[in-house]
Amino acid sequence: REIHFCYGHRLLEYDGKCRYLHGH
Protein backbone atom coordinates (compact mmCIF):
# COMPACT_ATOMS: atom_id res chain seq x y z
CA ARG A 1 0.00 0.00 0.00
CA GLU A 2 1.34 3.43 -0.94
CA ILE A 3 0.56 6.40 1.30
CA HIS A 4 1.47 10.02 0.63
CA PHE A 5 1.97 12.60 3.37
CA CYS A 6 3.79 15.85 4.03
CA TYR A 7 6.16 16.29 6.92
CA GLY A 8 8.90 18.55 8.16
CA HIS A 9 12.04 17.79 10.11
CA ARG A 10 15.60 18.74 10.77
CA LEU A 11 18.67 16.79 11.80
CA LEU A 12 20.57 17.92 14.86
CA GLU A 13 24.38 17.74 14.79
CA TYR A 14 24.30 17.36 11.00
CA ASP A 15 26.67 19.38 8.80
CA GLY A 16 24.49 19.87 5.74
CA LYS A 17 21.29 21.49 4.53
CA CYS A 18 19.12 19.13 6.56
CA ARG A 19 20.24 20.82 9.77
CA TYR A 20 17.63 23.49 9.00
CA LEU A 21 13.88 23.11 9.45
CA HIS A 22 12.46 22.01 6.11
CA GLY A 23 9.72 19.85 4.63
CA HIS A 24 9.14 16.92 2.31
PDB file of all heavy atoms in Angstrom:
ATOM      1  N   ARG A   1       0.869  -1.183   0.000  1.00  0.00           N
ATOM      2  CA  ARG A   1       0.000   0.000   0.000  1.00  0.00           C
ATOM      3  C   ARG A   1       0.902   1.227   0.000  1.00  0.00           C
ATOM      4  O   ARG A   1       1.858   1.315   0.780  1.00  0.00           O
ATOM      5  CB  ARG A   1      -0.904  -0.001   1.236  1.00  0.00           C
ATOM      6  CG  ARG A   1      -1.719   1.257   1.462  1.00  0.00           C
ATOM      7  CD  ARG A   1      -2.855   1.371   0.479  1.00  0.00           C
ATOM      8  NE  ARG A   1      -3.479   2.683   0.626  1.00  0.00           N
ATOM      9  CZ  ARG A   1      -4.732   2.928   0.338  1.00  0.00           C
ATOM     10  NH1 ARG A   1      -5.509   1.969  -0.103  1.00  0.00           N
ATOM     11  NH2 ARG A   1      -5.218   4.127   0.477  1.00  0.00           N
ATOM     12  N   GLU A   2       0.595   2.179  -0.856  1.00  0.00           N
ATOM     13  CA  GLU A   2       1.345   3.431  -0.941  1.00  0.00           C
ATOM     14  C   GLU A   2       0.530   4.527  -0.263  1.00  0.00           C
ATOM     15  O   GLU A   2      -0.669   4.651  -0.496  1.00  0.00           O
ATOM     16  CB  GLU A   2       1.548   3.757  -2.420  1.00  0.00           C
ATOM     17  CG  GLU A   2       2.432   4.930  -2.697  1.00  0.00           C
ATOM     18  CD  GLU A   2       2.645   5.095  -4.200  1.00  0.00           C
ATOM     19  OE1 GLU A   2       3.388   4.291  -4.787  1.00  0.00           O
ATOM     20  OE2 GLU A   2       2.054   6.035  -4.766  1.00  0.00           O
ATOM     21  N   ILE A   3       1.202   5.312   0.576  1.00  0.00           N
ATOM     22  CA  ILE A   3       0.556   6.401   1.302  1.00  0.00           C
ATOM     23  C   ILE A   3       1.411   7.653   1.127  1.00  0.00           C
ATOM     24  O   ILE A   3       2.621   7.605   1.304  1.00  0.00           O
ATOM     25  CB  ILE A   3       0.414   6.065   2.808  1.00  0.00           C
ATOM     26  CG1 ILE A   3      -0.459   4.816   2.986  1.00  0.00           C
ATOM     27  CG2 ILE A   3      -0.140   7.246   3.589  1.00  0.00           C
ATOM     28  CD1 ILE A   3      -0.439   4.241   4.388  1.00  0.00           C
ATOM     29  N   HIS A   4       0.772   8.751   0.788  1.00  0.00           N
ATOM     30  CA  HIS A   4       1.468  10.025   0.632  1.00  0.00           C
ATOM     31  C   HIS A   4       1.166  10.917   1.828  1.00  0.00           C
ATOM     32  O   HIS A   4       0.033  10.950   2.315  1.00  0.00           O
ATOM     33  CB  HIS A   4       1.018  10.720  -0.660  1.00  0.00           C
ATOM     34  CG  HIS A   4       1.413   9.980  -1.881  1.00  0.00           C
ATOM     35  ND1 HIS A   4       2.443  10.380  -2.687  1.00  0.00           N
ATOM     36  CD2 HIS A   4       0.924   8.842  -2.442  1.00  0.00           C
ATOM     37  CE1 HIS A   4       2.575   9.528  -3.690  1.00  0.00           C
ATOM     38  NE2 HIS A   4       1.663   8.577  -3.565  1.00  0.00           N
ATOM     39  N   PHE A   5       2.177  11.636   2.288  1.00  0.00           N
ATOM     40  CA  PHE A   5       1.971  12.598   3.370  1.00  0.00           C
ATOM     41  C   PHE A   5       3.082  13.639   3.335  1.00  0.00           C
ATOM     42  O   PHE A   5       4.124  13.436   2.720  1.00  0.00           O
ATOM     43  CB  PHE A   5       1.907  11.904   4.741  1.00  0.00           C
ATOM     44  CG  PHE A   5       3.176  11.277   5.212  1.00  0.00           C
ATOM     45  CD1 PHE A   5       3.928  11.860   6.226  1.00  0.00           C
ATOM     46  CD2 PHE A   5       3.631  10.071   4.677  1.00  0.00           C
ATOM     47  CE1 PHE A   5       5.097  11.274   6.682  1.00  0.00           C
ATOM     48  CE2 PHE A   5       4.805   9.486   5.130  1.00  0.00           C
ATOM     49  CZ  PHE A   5       5.538  10.085   6.133  1.00  0.00           C
ATOM     50  N   CYS A   6       2.818  14.768   3.957  1.00  0.00           N
ATOM     51  CA  CYS A   6       3.789  15.852   4.029  1.00  0.00           C
ATOM     52  C   CYS A   6       4.300  15.944   5.458  1.00  0.00           C
ATOM     53  O   CYS A   6       3.535  15.811   6.404  1.00  0.00           O
ATOM     54  CB  CYS A   6       3.137  17.180   3.634  1.00  0.00           C
ATOM     55  SG  CYS A   6       2.485  17.178   1.951  1.00  0.00           S
ATOM     56  N   TYR A   7       5.591  16.166   5.584  1.00  0.00           N
ATOM     57  CA  TYR A   7       6.157  16.286   6.923  1.00  0.00           C
ATOM     58  C   TYR A   7       7.367  17.207   6.875  1.00  0.00           C
ATOM     59  O   TYR A   7       7.968  17.422   5.830  1.00  0.00           O
ATOM     60  CB  TYR A   7       6.549  14.916   7.492  1.00  0.00           C
ATOM     61  CG  TYR A   7       7.714  14.249   6.800  1.00  0.00           C
ATOM     62  CD1 TYR A   7       8.993  14.312   7.348  1.00  0.00           C
ATOM     63  CD2 TYR A   7       7.550  13.562   5.611  1.00  0.00           C
ATOM     64  CE1 TYR A   7      10.067  13.699   6.715  1.00  0.00           C
ATOM     65  CE2 TYR A   7       8.613  12.956   4.969  1.00  0.00           C
ATOM     66  CZ  TYR A   7       9.871  13.028   5.526  1.00  0.00           C
ATOM     67  OH  TYR A   7      10.941  12.438   4.896  1.00  0.00           O
ATOM     68  N   GLY A   8       7.702  17.745   8.034  1.00  0.00           N
ATOM     69  CA  GLY A   8       8.896  18.551   8.163  1.00  0.00           C
ATOM     70  C   GLY A   8       9.814  17.909   9.181  1.00  0.00           C
ATOM     71  O   GLY A   8       9.389  17.091   9.993  1.00  0.00           O
ATOM     72  N   HIS A   9      11.079  18.282   9.133  1.00  0.00           N
ATOM     73  CA  HIS A   9      12.036  17.790  10.114  1.00  0.00           C
ATOM     74  C   HIS A   9      13.318  18.601  10.015  1.00  0.00           C
ATOM     75  O   HIS A   9      13.445  19.492   9.184  1.00  0.00           O
ATOM     76  CB  HIS A   9      12.314  16.291   9.921  1.00  0.00           C
ATOM     77  CG  HIS A   9      13.103  15.939   8.700  1.00  0.00           C
ATOM     78  ND1 HIS A   9      13.888  14.822   8.626  1.00  0.00           N
ATOM     79  CD2 HIS A   9      13.239  16.549   7.507  1.00  0.00           C
ATOM     80  CE1 HIS A   9      14.474  14.744   7.442  1.00  0.00           C
ATOM     81  NE2 HIS A   9      14.085  15.782   6.746  1.00  0.00           N
ATOM     82  N   ARG A  10      14.234  18.283  10.886  1.00  0.00           N
ATOM     83  CA  ARG A  10      15.602  18.741  10.769  1.00  0.00           C
ATOM     84  C   ARG A  10      16.467  17.750  11.533  1.00  0.00           C
ATOM     85  O   ARG A  10      15.983  17.031  12.409  1.00  0.00           O
ATOM     86  CB  ARG A  10      15.797  20.160  11.282  1.00  0.00           C
ATOM     87  CG  ARG A  10      15.812  20.314  12.781  1.00  0.00           C
ATOM     88  CD  ARG A  10      16.285  21.703  13.124  1.00  0.00           C
ATOM     89  NE  ARG A  10      16.126  22.031  14.528  1.00  0.00           N
ATOM     90  CZ  ARG A  10      16.433  23.195  15.013  1.00  0.00           C
ATOM     91  NH1 ARG A  10      16.896  24.140  14.212  1.00  0.00           N
ATOM     92  NH2 ARG A  10      16.281  23.442  16.293  1.00  0.00           N
ATOM     93  N   LEU A  11      17.743  17.727  11.184  1.00  0.00           N
ATOM     94  CA  LEU A  11      18.667  16.787  11.799  1.00  0.00           C
ATOM     95  C   LEU A  11      19.661  17.559  12.658  1.00  0.00           C
ATOM     96  O   LEU A  11      20.414  18.392  12.151  1.00  0.00           O
ATOM     97  CB  LEU A  11      19.407  15.981  10.727  1.00  0.00           C
ATOM     98  CG  LEU A  11      18.511  15.247   9.729  1.00  0.00           C
ATOM     99  CD1 LEU A  11      19.357  14.493   8.715  1.00  0.00           C
ATOM    100  CD2 LEU A  11      17.538  14.325  10.428  1.00  0.00           C
ATOM    101  N   LEU A  12      19.634  17.284  13.942  1.00  0.00           N
ATOM    102  CA  LEU A  12      20.569  17.920  14.858  1.00  0.00           C
ATOM    103  C   LEU A  12      21.960  17.325  14.668  1.00  0.00           C
ATOM    104  O   LEU A  12      22.104  16.145  14.332  1.00  0.00           O
ATOM    105  CB  LEU A  12      20.113  17.719  16.305  1.00  0.00           C
ATOM    106  CG  LEU A  12      18.765  18.340  16.672  1.00  0.00           C
ATOM    107  CD1 LEU A  12      18.431  18.040  18.134  1.00  0.00           C
ATOM    108  CD2 LEU A  12      18.741  19.833  16.412  1.00  0.00           C
ATOM    109  N   GLU A  13      22.983  18.157  14.876  1.00  0.00           N
ATOM    110  CA  GLU A  13      24.381  17.743  14.788  1.00  0.00           C
ATOM    111  C   GLU A  13      24.772  17.263  13.394  1.00  0.00           C
ATOM    112  O   GLU A  13      25.689  16.455  13.232  1.00  0.00           O
ATOM    113  CB  GLU A  13      24.694  16.670  15.841  1.00  0.00           C
ATOM    114  CG  GLU A  13      24.427  17.144  17.254  1.00  0.00           C
ATOM    115  CD  GLU A  13      24.172  16.009  18.227  1.00  0.00           C
ATOM    116  OE1 GLU A  13      24.363  14.844  17.861  1.00  0.00           O
ATOM    117  OE2 GLU A  13      23.778  16.311  19.361  1.00  0.00           O
ATOM    118  N   TYR A  14      24.045  17.743  12.387  1.00  0.00           N
ATOM    119  CA  TYR A  14      24.304  17.359  11.000  1.00  0.00           C
ATOM    120  C   TYR A  14      24.928  18.546  10.279  1.00  0.00           C
ATOM    121  O   TYR A  14      24.462  19.672  10.414  1.00  0.00           O
ATOM    122  CB  TYR A  14      22.979  16.958  10.335  1.00  0.00           C
ATOM    123  CG  TYR A  14      23.115  16.551   8.892  1.00  0.00           C
ATOM    124  CD1 TYR A  14      23.645  15.313   8.563  1.00  0.00           C
ATOM    125  CD2 TYR A  14      22.703  17.399   7.871  1.00  0.00           C
ATOM    126  CE1 TYR A  14      23.763  14.931   7.233  1.00  0.00           C
ATOM    127  CE2 TYR A  14      22.813  17.024   6.542  1.00  0.00           C
ATOM    128  CZ  TYR A  14      23.352  15.797   6.233  1.00  0.00           C
ATOM    129  OH  TYR A  14      23.465  15.407   4.925  1.00  0.00           O
ATOM    130  N   ASP A  15      25.986  18.308   9.514  1.00  0.00           N
ATOM    131  CA  ASP A  15      26.666  19.376   8.799  1.00  0.00           C
ATOM    132  C   ASP A  15      26.247  19.372   7.335  1.00  0.00           C
ATOM    133  O   ASP A  15      26.982  18.940   6.456  1.00  0.00           O
ATOM    134  CB  ASP A  15      28.187  19.215   8.934  1.00  0.00           C
ATOM    135  CG  ASP A  15      28.934  20.410   8.369  1.00  0.00           C
ATOM    136  OD1 ASP A  15      28.343  21.510   8.312  1.00  0.00           O
ATOM    137  OD2 ASP A  15      30.108  20.238   7.978  1.00  0.00           O
ATOM    138  N   GLY A  16      25.035  19.827   7.093  1.00  0.00           N
ATOM    139  CA  GLY A  16      24.494  19.874   5.742  1.00  0.00           C
ATOM    140  C   GLY A  16      23.181  20.630   5.769  1.00  0.00           C
ATOM    141  O   GLY A  16      22.737  21.108   6.818  1.00  0.00           O
ATOM    142  N   LYS A  17      22.528  20.715   4.616  1.00  0.00           N
ATOM    143  CA  LYS A  17      21.286  21.492   4.527  1.00  0.00           C
ATOM    144  C   LYS A  17      20.188  20.972   5.444  1.00  0.00           C
ATOM    145  O   LYS A  17      19.332  21.739   5.878  1.00  0.00           O
ATOM    146  CB  LYS A  17      20.775  21.514   3.077  1.00  0.00           C
ATOM    147  CG  LYS A  17      21.646  22.310   2.142  1.00  0.00           C
ATOM    148  CD  LYS A  17      20.994  22.567   0.792  1.00  0.00           C
ATOM    149  CE  LYS A  17      20.679  21.302   0.038  1.00  0.00           C
ATOM    150  NZ  LYS A  17      20.150  21.555  -1.313  1.00  0.00           N
ATOM    151  N   CYS A  18      20.185  19.707   5.739  1.00  0.00           N
ATOM    152  CA  CYS A  18      19.116  19.126   6.559  1.00  0.00           C
ATOM    153  C   CYS A  18      19.206  19.516   8.032  1.00  0.00           C
ATOM    154  O   CYS A  18      18.372  19.114   8.829  1.00  0.00           O
ATOM    155  CB  CYS A  18      19.088  17.604   6.414  1.00  0.00           C
ATOM    156  SG  CYS A  18      18.522  17.082   4.784  1.00  0.00           S
ATOM    157  N   ARG A  19      20.188  20.332   8.382  1.00  0.00           N
ATOM    158  CA  ARG A  19      20.242  20.816   9.769  1.00  0.00           C
ATOM    159  C   ARG A  19      19.215  21.922   9.994  1.00  0.00           C
ATOM    160  O   ARG A  19      18.931  22.293  11.122  1.00  0.00           O
ATOM    161  CB  ARG A  19      21.647  21.299  10.110  1.00  0.00           C
ATOM    162  CG  ARG A  19      22.055  22.577   9.435  1.00  0.00           C
ATOM    163  CD  ARG A  19      23.469  22.997   9.868  1.00  0.00           C
ATOM    164  NE  ARG A  19      23.918  24.152   9.154  1.00  0.00           N
ATOM    165  CZ  ARG A  19      24.826  24.147   8.185  1.00  0.00           C
ATOM    166  NH1 ARG A  19      25.377  23.010   7.815  1.00  0.00           N
ATOM    167  NH2 ARG A  19      25.191  25.253   7.600  1.00  0.00           N
ATOM    168  N   TYR A  20      18.642  22.452   8.915  1.00  0.00           N
ATOM    169  CA  TYR A  20      17.632  23.491   9.002  1.00  0.00           C
ATOM    170  C   TYR A  20      16.230  22.884   8.932  1.00  0.00           C
ATOM    171  O   TYR A  20      16.025  21.851   8.291  1.00  0.00           O
ATOM    172  CB  TYR A  20      17.800  24.500   7.861  1.00  0.00           C
ATOM    173  CG  TYR A  20      19.166  25.126   7.821  1.00  0.00           C
ATOM    174  CD1 TYR A  20      20.035  24.856   6.781  1.00  0.00           C
ATOM    175  CD2 TYR A  20      19.592  25.977   8.836  1.00  0.00           C
ATOM    176  CE1 TYR A  20      21.299  25.431   6.736  1.00  0.00           C
ATOM    177  CE2 TYR A  20      20.856  26.553   8.808  1.00  0.00           C
ATOM    178  CZ  TYR A  20      21.699  26.274   7.757  1.00  0.00           C
ATOM    179  OH  TYR A  20      22.947  26.835   7.729  1.00  0.00           O
ATOM    180  N   LEU A  21      15.269  23.547   9.558  1.00  0.00           N
ATOM    181  CA  LEU A  21      13.877  23.112   9.454  1.00  0.00           C
ATOM    182  C   LEU A  21      13.467  23.166   7.980  1.00  0.00           C
ATOM    183  O   LEU A  21      13.688  24.169   7.305  1.00  0.00           O
ATOM    184  CB  LEU A  21      12.968  24.018  10.279  1.00  0.00           C
ATOM    185  CG  LEU A  21      13.166  23.988  11.791  1.00  0.00           C
ATOM    186  CD1 LEU A  21      12.364  25.110  12.444  1.00  0.00           C
ATOM    187  CD2 LEU A  21      12.769  22.641  12.367  1.00  0.00           C
ATOM    188  N   HIS A  22      12.896  22.080   7.506  1.00  0.00           N
ATOM    189  CA  HIS A  22      12.459  22.006   6.109  1.00  0.00           C
ATOM    190  C   HIS A  22      11.410  20.907   5.979  1.00  0.00           C
ATOM    191  O   HIS A  22      11.161  20.167   6.917  1.00  0.00           O
ATOM    192  CB  HIS A  22      13.646  21.738   5.171  1.00  0.00           C
ATOM    193  CG  HIS A  22      14.284  20.411   5.379  1.00  0.00           C
ATOM    194  ND1 HIS A  22      15.111  20.132   6.452  1.00  0.00           N
ATOM    195  CD2 HIS A  22      14.198  19.256   4.659  1.00  0.00           C
ATOM    196  CE1 HIS A  22      15.525  18.885   6.367  1.00  0.00           C
ATOM    197  NE2 HIS A  22      14.973  18.319   5.287  1.00  0.00           N
ATOM    198  N   GLY A  23      10.794  20.821   4.812  1.00  0.00           N
ATOM    199  CA  GLY A  23       9.724  19.849   4.630  1.00  0.00           C
ATOM    200  C   GLY A  23       9.913  18.963   3.419  1.00  0.00           C
ATOM    201  O   GLY A  23      10.734  19.237   2.541  1.00  0.00           O
ATOM    202  N   HIS A  24       9.122  17.889   3.403  1.00  0.00           N
ATOM    203  CA  HIS A  24       9.141  16.918   2.310  1.00  0.00           C
ATOM    204  C   HIS A  24       7.728  16.491   1.954  1.00  0.00           C
ATOM    205  O   HIS A  24       6.844  16.445   2.817  1.00  0.00           O
ATOM    206  CB  HIS A  24       9.902  15.644   2.720  1.00  0.00           C
ATOM    207  CG  HIS A  24      11.355  15.857   2.950  1.00  0.00           C
ATOM    208  ND1 HIS A  24      12.261  15.982   1.934  1.00  0.00           N
ATOM    209  CD2 HIS A  24      12.064  15.976   4.104  1.00  0.00           C
ATOM    210  CE1 HIS A  24      13.464  16.157   2.444  1.00  0.00           C
ATOM    211  NE2 HIS A  24      13.375  16.160   3.759  1.00  0.00           N
TER     212      HIS A  24
END
